Amino acid sequence: MLDEERDGGVRLSQDTHVHPRDVSLQDALTAVADPVRRTIVRELAGLPDWTTALNRLRHSEFDEIFPGLLDLVLAEHA
């Protein structure tokens, strides 16, 4: 569920996952600009999808909308 919109971005409630098609390019770039978030993405990439319901890397879903973006993040320290 969307709680509110702030600065053109989407703020989510705790139990909501937004679909990648609803993420703007600016929001995606802002997210991967943060080194802590990039570290989390790399850590999630090494885990099976079933490891945790709350945090999982939705690589194929994001790749449909932002081709190659997560690959760049994953290759950063490879």
PDB file of N, CA and C in Angstrom:
ATOM      1  N   MET A   1       0.833  -1.179   0.000  1.00  0.00           N
ATOM      2  CA  MET A   1       0.000   0.000   0.000  1.00  0.00           C
ATOM      3  C   MET A   1       0.875   1.238   0.000  1.00  0.00           C
ATOM      4  N   LEU A   2       0.434   2.238  -0.702  1.00  0.00           N
ATOM      5  CA  LEU A   2       1.174   3.484  -0.726  1.00  0.00           C
ATOM      6  C   LEU A   2       0.705   4.355   0.424  1.00  0.00           C
ATOM      7  N   ASP A   3       1.615   4.783   1.256  1.00  0.00           N
ATOM      8  CA  ASP A   3       1.258   5.671   2.351  1.00  0.00           C
ATOM      9  C   ASP A   3       1.122   7.097   1.868  1.00  0.00           C
ATOM     10  N   GLU A   4       2.074   7.525   1.072  1.00  0.00           N
ATOM     11  CA  GLU A   4       2.077   8.895   0.572  1.00  0.00           C
ATOM     12  C   GLU A   4       3.151   9.000  -0.487  1.00  0.00           C
ATOM     13  N   GLU A   5       3.092  10.051  -1.263  1.00  0.00           N
ATOM     14  CA  GLU A   5       4.169  10.338  -2.202  1.00  0.00           C
ATOM     15  C   GLU A   5       4.939  11.525  -1.670  1.00  0.00           C
ATOM     16  N   ARG A   6       6.255  11.445  -1.786  1.00  0.00           N
ATOM     17  CA  ARG A   6       7.099  12.501  -1.254  1.00  0.00           C
ATOM     18  C   ARG A   6       8.216  12.767  -2.246  1.00  0.00           C
ATOM     19  N   ASP A   7       8.386  14.011  -2.649  1.00  0.00           N
ATOM     20  CA  ASP A   7       9.440  14.416  -3.586  1.00  0.00           C
ATOM     21  C   ASP A   7       9.410  13.599  -4.873  1.00  0.00           C
ATOM     22  N   GLY A   8       8.203  13.251  -5.334  1.00  0.00           N
ATOM     23  CA  GLY A   8       8.086  12.494  -6.571  1.00  0.00           C
ATOM     24  C   GLY A   8       8.357  11.011  -6.399  1.00  0.00           C
ATOM     25  N   GLY A   9       8.790  10.582  -5.214  1.00  0.00           N
ATOM     26  CA  GLY A   9       9.060   9.176  -4.970  1.00  0.00           C
ATOM     27  C   GLY A   9       7.895   8.518  -4.273  1.00  0.00           C
ATOM     28  N   VAL A  10       7.992   7.247  -4.105  1.00  0.00           N
ATOM     29  CA  VAL A  10       6.926   6.493  -3.468  1.00  0.00           C
ATOM     30  C   VAL A  10       7.384   6.050  -2.099  1.00  0.00           C
ATOM     31  N   ARG A  11       6.583   6.327  -1.105  1.00  0.00           N
ATOM     32  CA  ARG A  11       6.876   5.857   0.251  1.00  0.00           C
ATOM     33  C   ARG A  11       5.924   4.707   0.549  1.00  0.00           C
ATOM     34  N   LEU A  12       6.465   3.595   0.992  1.00  0.00           N
ATOM     35  CA  LEU A  12       5.675   2.390   1.179  1.00  0.00           C
ATOM     36  C   LEU A  12       5.449   2.075   2.637  1.00  0.00           C
ATOM     37  N   SER A  13       4.358   1.387   2.904  1.00  0.00           N
ATOM     38  CA  SER A  13       4.159   0.876   4.249  1.00  0.00           C
ATOM     39  C   SER A  13       5.107  -0.295   4.455  1.00  0.00           C
ATOM     40  N   GLN A  14       5.227  -0.773   5.668  1.00  0.00           N
ATOM     41  CA  GLN A  14       6.206  -1.808   6.001  1.00  0.00           C
ATOM     42  C   GLN A  14       5.977  -3.123   5.270  1.00  0.00           C
ATOM     43  N   ASP A  15       4.741  -3.473   4.958  1.00  0.00           N
ATOM     44  CA  ASP A  15       4.456  -4.781   4.390  1.00  0.00           C
ATOM     45  C   ASP A  15       4.196  -4.751   2.887  1.00  0.00           C
ATOM     46  N   THR A  16       4.698  -3.747   2.196  1.00  0.00           N
ATOM     47  CA  THR A  16       4.399  -3.583   0.780  1.00  0.00           C
ATOM     48  C   THR A  16       5.667  -3.657  -0.055  1.00  0.00           C
ATOM     49  N   HIS A  17       5.543  -4.368  -1.165  1.00  0.00           N
ATOM     50  CA  HIS A  17       6.611  -4.396  -2.156  1.00  0.00           C
ATOM     51  C   HIS A  17       6.038  -3.811  -3.434  1.00  0.00           C
ATOM     52  N   VAL A  18       6.681  -2.819  -3.964  1.00  0.00           N
ATOM     53  CA  VAL A  18       6.224  -2.194  -5.199  1.00  0.00           C
ATOM     54  C   VAL A  18       6.743  -3.021  -6.380  1.00  0.00           C
ATOM     55  N   HIS A  19       5.956  -3.116  -7.415  1.00  0.00           N
ATOM     56  CA  HIS A  19       6.407  -3.823  -8.614  1.00  0.00           C
ATOM     57  C   HIS A  19       7.396  -2.925  -9.351  1.00  0.00           C
ATOM     58  N   PRO A  20       8.423  -3.499  -9.946  1.00  0.00           N
ATOM     59  CA  PRO A  20       9.421  -2.681 -10.643  1.00  0.00           C
ATOM     60  C   PRO A  20       8.832  -1.751 -11.702  1.00  0.00           C
ATOM     61  N   ARG A  21       7.731  -2.127 -12.336  1.00  0.00           N
ATOM     62  CA  ARG A  21       7.136  -1.242 -13.347  1.00  0.00           C
ATOM     63  C   ARG A  21       6.594   0.048 -12.732  1.00  0.00           C
ATOM     64  N   ASP A  22       6.411   0.041 -11.399  1.00  0.00           N
ATOM     65  CA  ASP A  22       5.925   1.227 -10.700  1.00  0.00           C
ATOM     66  C   ASP A  22       7.052   2.055 -10.089  1.00  0.00           C
ATOM     67  N   VAL A  23       8.294   1.672 -10.373  1.00  0.00           N
ATOM     68  CA  VAL A  23       9.472   2.389  -9.877  1.00  0.00           C
ATOM     69  C   VAL A  23       9.989   3.283 -10.998  1.00  0.00           C
ATOM     70  N   SER A  24      10.163   4.549 -10.702  1.00  0.00           N
ATOM     71  CA  SER A  24      10.702   5.459 -11.723  1.00  0.00           C
ATOM     72  C   SER A  24      12.197   5.205 -11.894  1.00  0.00           C
ATOM     73  N   LEU A  25      12.716   5.602 -13.029  1.00  0.00           N
ATOM     74  CA  LEU A  25      14.157   5.474 -13.261  1.00  0.00           C
ATOM     75  C   LEU A  25      14.920   6.252 -12.197  1.00  0.00           C
ATOM     76  N   GLN A  26      14.441   7.442 -11.844  1.00  0.00           N
ATOM     77  CA  GLN A  26      15.115   8.252 -10.825  1.00  0.00           C
ATOM     78  C   GLN A  26      15.166   7.511  -9.487  1.00  0.00           C
ATOM     79  N   ASP A  27      14.060   6.884  -9.084  1.00  0.00           N
ATOM     80  CA  ASP A  27      14.046   6.142  -7.818  1.00  0.00           C
ATOM     81  C   ASP A  27      15.003   4.954  -7.864  1.00  0.00           C
ATOM     82  N   ALA A  28      15.056   4.263  -9.002  1.00  0.00           N
ATOM     83  CA  ALA A  28      15.969   3.119  -9.138  1.00  0.00           C
ATOM     84  C   ALA A  28      17.423   3.575  -9.052  1.00  0.00           C
ATOM     85  N   LEU A  29      17.746   4.671  -9.729  1.00  0.00           N
ATOM     86  CA  LEU A  29      19.119   5.189  -9.693  1.00  0.00           C
ATOM     87  C   LEU A  29      19.483   5.703  -8.304  1.00  0.00           C
ATOM     88  N   THR A  30      18.539   6.345  -7.633  1.00  0.00           N
ATOM     89  CA  THR A  30      18.774   6.826  -6.274  1.00  0.00           C
ATOM     90  C   THR A  30      19.051   5.649  -5.349  1.00  0.00           C
ATOM     91  N   ALA A  31      18.292   4.575  -5.512  1.00  0.00           N
ATOM     92  CA  ALA A  31      18.479   3.395  -4.656  1.00  0.00           C
ATOM     93  C   ALA A  31      19.863   2.782  -4.842  1.00  0.00           C
ATOM     94  N   VAL A  32      20.314   2.643  -6.085  1.00  0.00           N
ATOM     95  CA  VAL A  32      21.620   2.004  -6.307  1.00  0.00           C
ATOM     96  C   VAL A  32      22.779   2.970  -6.128  1.00  0.00           C
ATOM     97  N   ALA A  33      22.493   4.242  -5.912  1.00  0.00           N
ATOM     98  CA  ALA A  33      23.561   5.205  -5.619  1.00  0.00           C
ATOM     99  C   ALA A  33      24.063   5.050  -4.184  1.00  0.00           C
ATOM    100  N   ASP A  34      23.271   4.449  -3.338  1.00  0.00           N
ATOM    101  CA  ASP A  34      23.610   4.271  -1.926  1.00  0.00           C
ATOM    102  C   ASP A  34      24.495   3.030  -1.761  1.00  0.00           C
ATOM    103  N   PRO A  35      25.735   3.185  -1.275  1.00  0.00           N
ATOM    104  CA  PRO A  35      26.643   2.040  -1.143  1.00  0.00           C
ATOM    105  C   PRO A  35      26.121   0.967  -0.200  1.00  0.00           C
ATOM    106  N   VAL A  36      25.377   1.335   0.807  1.00  0.00           N
ATOM    107  CA  VAL A  36      24.818   0.328   1.726  1.00  0.00           C
ATOM    108  C   VAL A  36      23.789  -0.525   0.994  1.00  0.00           C
ATOM    109  N   ARG A  37      22.948   0.114   0.216  1.00  0.00           N
ATOM    110  CA  ARG A  37      21.946  -0.640  -0.554  1.00  0.00           C
ATOM    111  C   ARG A  37      22.609  -1.546  -1.581  1.00  0.00           C
ATOM    112  N   ARG A  38      23.686  -1.088  -2.222  1.00  0.00           N
ATOM    113  CA  ARG A  38      24.390  -1.941  -3.179  1.00  0.00           C
ATOM    114  C   ARG A  38      24.964  -3.163  -2.485  1.00  0.00           C
ATOM    115  N   THR A  39      25.474  -2.996  -1.276  1.00  0.00           N
ATOM    116  CA  THR A  39      25.987  -4.129  -0.505  1.00  0.00           C
ATOM    117  C   THR A  39      24.870  -5.115  -0.200  1.00  0.00           C
ATOM    118  N   ILE A  40      23.706  -4.606   0.186  1.00  0.00           N
ATOM    119  CA  ILE A  40      22.560  -5.467   0.469  1.00  0.00           C
ATOM    120  C   ILE A  40      22.140  -6.232  -0.783  1.00  0.00           C
ATOM    121  N   VAL A  41      22.120  -5.565  -1.928  1.00  0.00           N
ATOM    122  CA  VAL A  41      21.763  -6.229  -3.184  1.00  0.00           C
ATOM    123  C   VAL A  41      22.733  -7.373  -3.465  1.00  0.00           C
ATOM    124  N   ARG A  42      24.027  -7.127  -3.291  1.00  0.00           N
ATOM    125  CA  ARG A  42      25.020  -8.186  -3.538  1.00  0.00           C
ATOM    126  C   ARG A  42      24.844  -9.343  -2.561  1.00  0.00           C
ATOM    127  N   GLU A  43      24.526  -9.041  -1.301  1.00  0.00           N
ATOM    128  CA  GLU A  43      24.309 -10.111  -0.322  1.00  0.00           C
ATOM    129  C   GLU A  43      23.051 -10.914  -0.658  1.00  0.00           C
ATOM    130  N   LEU A  44      21.986 -10.252  -1.048  1.00  0.00           N
ATOM    131  CA  LEU A  44      20.756 -10.951  -1.409  1.00  0.00           C
ATOM    132  C   LEU A  44      20.940 -11.810  -2.657  1.00  0.00           C
ATOM    133  N   ALA A  45      21.804 -11.379  -3.565  1.00  0.00           N
ATOM    134  CA  ALA A  45      22.045 -12.144  -4.787  1.00  0.00           C
ATOM    135  C   ALA A  45      22.643 -13.512  -4.483  1.00  0.00           C
ATOM    136  N   GLY A  46      23.322 -13.631  -3.358  1.00  0.00           N
ATOM    137  CA  GLY A  46      23.943 -14.902  -2.999  1.00  0.00           C
ATOM    138  C   GLY A  46      23.036 -15.839  -2.223  1.00  0.00           C
ATOM    139  N   LEU A  47      21.809 -15.409  -1.954  1.00  0.00           N
ATOM    140  CA  LEU A  47      20.864 -16.223  -1.184  1.00  0.00           C
ATOM    141  C   LEU A  47      19.778 -16.785  -2.080  1.00  0.00           C
ATOM    142  N   PRO A  48      19.279 -17.987  -1.745  1.00  0.00           N
ATOM    143  CA  PRO A  48      18.128 -18.510  -2.495  1.00  0.00           C
ATOM    144  C   PRO A  48      16.900 -17.628  -2.253  1.00  0.00           C
ATOM    145  N   ASP A  49      15.993 -17.561  -3.228  1.00  0.00           N
ATOM    146  CA  ASP A  49      14.800 -16.723  -3.103  1.00  0.00           C
ATOM    147  C   ASP A  49      13.953 -17.074  -1.888  1.00  0.00           C
ATOM    148  N   TRP A  50      13.952 -18.342  -1.486  1.00  0.00           N
ATOM    149  CA  TRP A  50      13.094 -18.767  -0.378  1.00  0.00           C
ATOM    150  C   TRP A  50      13.694 -18.472   0.979  1.00  0.00           C
ATOM    151  N   THR A  51      14.898 -17.934   1.034  1.00  0.00           N
ATOM    152  CA  THR A  51      15.571 -17.706   2.315  1.00  0.00           C
ATOM    153  C   THR A  51      14.776 -16.786   3.225  1.00  0.00           C
ATOM    154  N   THR A  52      14.235 -15.739   2.680  1.00  0.00           N
ATOM    155  CA  THR A  52      13.462 -14.795   3.476  1.00  0.00           C
ATOM    156  C   THR A  52      12.341 -14.214   2.639  1.00  0.00           C
ATOM    157  N   ALA A  53      11.186 -14.122   3.214  1.00  0.00           N
ATOM    158  CA  ALA A  53      10.037 -13.589   2.488  1.00  0.00           C
ATOM    159  C   ALA A  53      10.092 -12.064   2.392  1.00  0.00           C
ATOM    160  N   LEU A  54      10.694 -11.428   3.358  1.00  0.00           N
ATOM    161  CA  LEU A  54      10.709  -9.965   3.392  1.00  0.00           C
ATOM    162  C   LEU A  54      11.750  -9.385   2.452  1.00  0.00           C
ATOM    163  N   ASN A  55      12.932  -9.949   2.444  1.00  0.00           N
ATOM    164  CA  ASN A  55      14.017  -9.428   1.619  1.00  0.00           C
ATOM    165  C   ASN A  55      14.454 -10.474   0.615  1.00  0.00           C
ATOM    166  N   ARG A  56      14.243 -10.166  -0.636  1.00  0.00           N
ATOM    167  CA  ARG A  56      14.731 -11.033  -1.703  1.00  0.00           C
ATOM    168  C   ARG A  56      15.064 -10.157  -2.896  1.00  0.00           C
ATOM    169  N   LEU A  57      15.993 -10.604  -3.679  1.00  0.00           N
ATOM    170  CA  LEU A  57      16.400  -9.860  -4.858  1.00  0.00           C
ATOM    171  C   LEU A  57      15.495 -10.267  -6.017  1.00  0.00           C
ATOM    172  N   ARG A  58      14.771  -9.332  -6.544  1.00  0.00           N
ATOM    173  CA  ARG A  58      13.846  -9.594  -7.653  1.00  0.00           C
ATOM    174  C   ARG A  58      14.538  -9.230  -8.964  1.00  0.00           C
ATOM    175  N   HIS A  59      15.641  -9.909  -9.216  1.00  0.00           N
ATOM    176  CA  HIS A  59      16.526  -9.584 -10.332  1.00  0.00           C
ATOM    177  C   HIS A  59      15.794  -9.640 -11.671  1.00  0.00           C
ATOM    178  N   SER A  60      15.110 -10.736 -11.951  1.00  0.00           N
ATOM    179  CA  SER A  60      14.469 -10.870 -13.264  1.00  0.00           C
ATOM    180  C   SER A  60      13.380  -9.826 -13.467  1.00  0.00           C
ATOM    181  N   GLU A  61      12.642  -9.497 -12.410  1.00  0.00           N
ATOM    182  CA  GLU A  61      11.592  -8.484 -12.514  1.00  0.00           C
ATOM    183  C   GLU A  61      12.192  -7.103 -12.808  1.00  0.00           C
ATOM    184  N   PHE A  62      13.264  -6.752 -12.111  1.00  0.00           N
ATOM    185  CA  PHE A  62      13.884  -5.449 -12.347  1.00  0.00           C
ATOM    186  C   PHE A  62      14.608  -5.418 -13.687  1.00  0.00           C
ATOM    187  N   ASP A  63      15.131  -6.565 -14.111  1.00  0.00           N
ATOM    188  CA  ASP A  63      15.831  -6.611 -15.387  1.00  0.00           C
ATOM    189  C   ASP A  63      14.886  -6.357 -16.558  1.00  0.00           C
ATOM    190  N   GLU A  64      13.620  -6.704 -16.412  1.00  0.00           N
ATOM    191  CA  GLU A  64      12.648  -6.423 -17.466  1.00  0.00           C
ATOM    192  C   GLU A  64      12.455  -4.916 -17.646  1.00  0.00           C
ATOM    193  N   ILE A  65      12.492  -4.167 -16.555  1.00  0.00           N
ATOM    194  CA  ILE A  65      12.234  -2.731 -16.588  1.00  0.00           C
ATOM    195  C   ILE A  65      13.529  -1.928 -16.746  1.00  0.00           C
ATOM    196  N   PHE A  66      14.570  -2.347 -16.043  1.00  0.00           N
ATOM    197  CA  PHE A  66      15.862  -1.648 -16.055  1.00  0.00           C
ATOM    198  C   PHE A  66      16.956  -2.647 -16.444  1.00  0.00           C
ATOM    199  N   PRO A  67      17.019  -3.042 -17.719  1.00  0.00           N
ATOM    200  CA  PRO A  67      17.969  -4.073 -18.146  1.00  0.00           C
ATOM    201  C   PRO A  67      19.414  -3.720 -17.791  1.00  0.00           C
ATOM    202  N   GLY A  68      20.058  -4.646 -17.105  1.00  0.00           N
ATOM    203  CA  GLY A  68      21.476  -4.494 -16.799  1.00  0.00           C
ATOM    204  C   GLY A  68      21.801  -3.700 -15.546  1.00  0.00           C
ATOM    205  N   LEU A  69      20.831  -3.012 -14.967  1.00  0.00           N
ATOM    206  CA  LEU A  69      21.121  -2.171 -13.805  1.00  0.00           C
ATOM    207  C   LEU A  69      21.630  -2.996 -12.624  1.00  0.00           C
ATOM    208  N   LEU A  70      20.927  -4.056 -12.288  1.00  0.00           N
ATOM    209  CA  LEU A  70      21.385  -4.875 -11.152  1.00  0.00           C
ATOM    210  C   LEU A  70      22.665  -5.628 -11.498  1.00  0.00           C
ATOM    211  N   ASP A  71      22.861  -5.976 -12.760  1.00  0.00           N
ATOM    212  CA  ASP A  71      24.116  -6.622 -13.161  1.00  0.00           C
ATOM    213  C   ASP A  71      25.306  -5.710 -12.895  1.00  0.00           C
ATOM    214  N   LEU A  72      25.141  -4.412 -13.125  1.00  0.00           N
ATOM    215  CA  LEU A  72      26.214  -3.453 -12.840  1.00  0.00           C
ATOM    216  C   LEU A  72      26.523  -3.418 -11.345  1.00  0.00           C
ATOM    217  N   VAL A  73      25.470  -3.441 -10.527  1.00  0.00           N
ATOM    218  CA  VAL A  73      25.652  -3.434  -9.078  1.00  0.00           C
ATOM    219  C   VAL A  73      26.362  -4.711  -8.639  1.00  0.00           C
ATOM    220  N   LEU A  74      25.934  -5.849  -9.180  1.00  0.00           N
ATOM    221  CA  LEU A  74      26.525  -7.130  -8.784  1.00  0.00           C
ATOM    222  C   LEU A  74      27.962  -7.264  -9.247  1.00  0.00           C
ATOM    223  N   ALA A  75      28.313  -6.629 -10.348  1.00  0.00           N
ATOM    224  CA  ALA A  75      29.673  -6.724 -10.886  1.00  0.00           C
ATOM    225  C   ALA A  75      30.630  -5.736 -10.240  1.00  0.00           C
ATOM    226  N   GLU A  76      30.105  -4.825  -9.428  1.00  0.00           N
ATOM    227  CA  GLU A  76      30.924  -3.753  -8.867  1.00  0.00           C
ATOM    228  C   GLU A  76      32.145  -4.274  -8.104  1.00  0.00           C
ATOM    229  N   HIS A  77      31.998  -5.298  -7.299  1.00  0.00           N
ATOM    230  CA  HIS A  77      33.119  -5.837  -6.518  1.00  0.00           C
ATOM    231  C   HIS A  77      33.429  -7.272  -6.881  1.00  0.00           C
ATOM    232  N   ALA A  78      33.070  -7.656  -8.078  1.00  0.00           N
ATOM    233  CA  ALA A  78      33.319  -9.052  -8.516  1.00  0.00           C
ATOM    234  C   ALA A  78      34.766  -9.242  -8.902  1.00  0.00           C
TER     235      ALA A  78
END
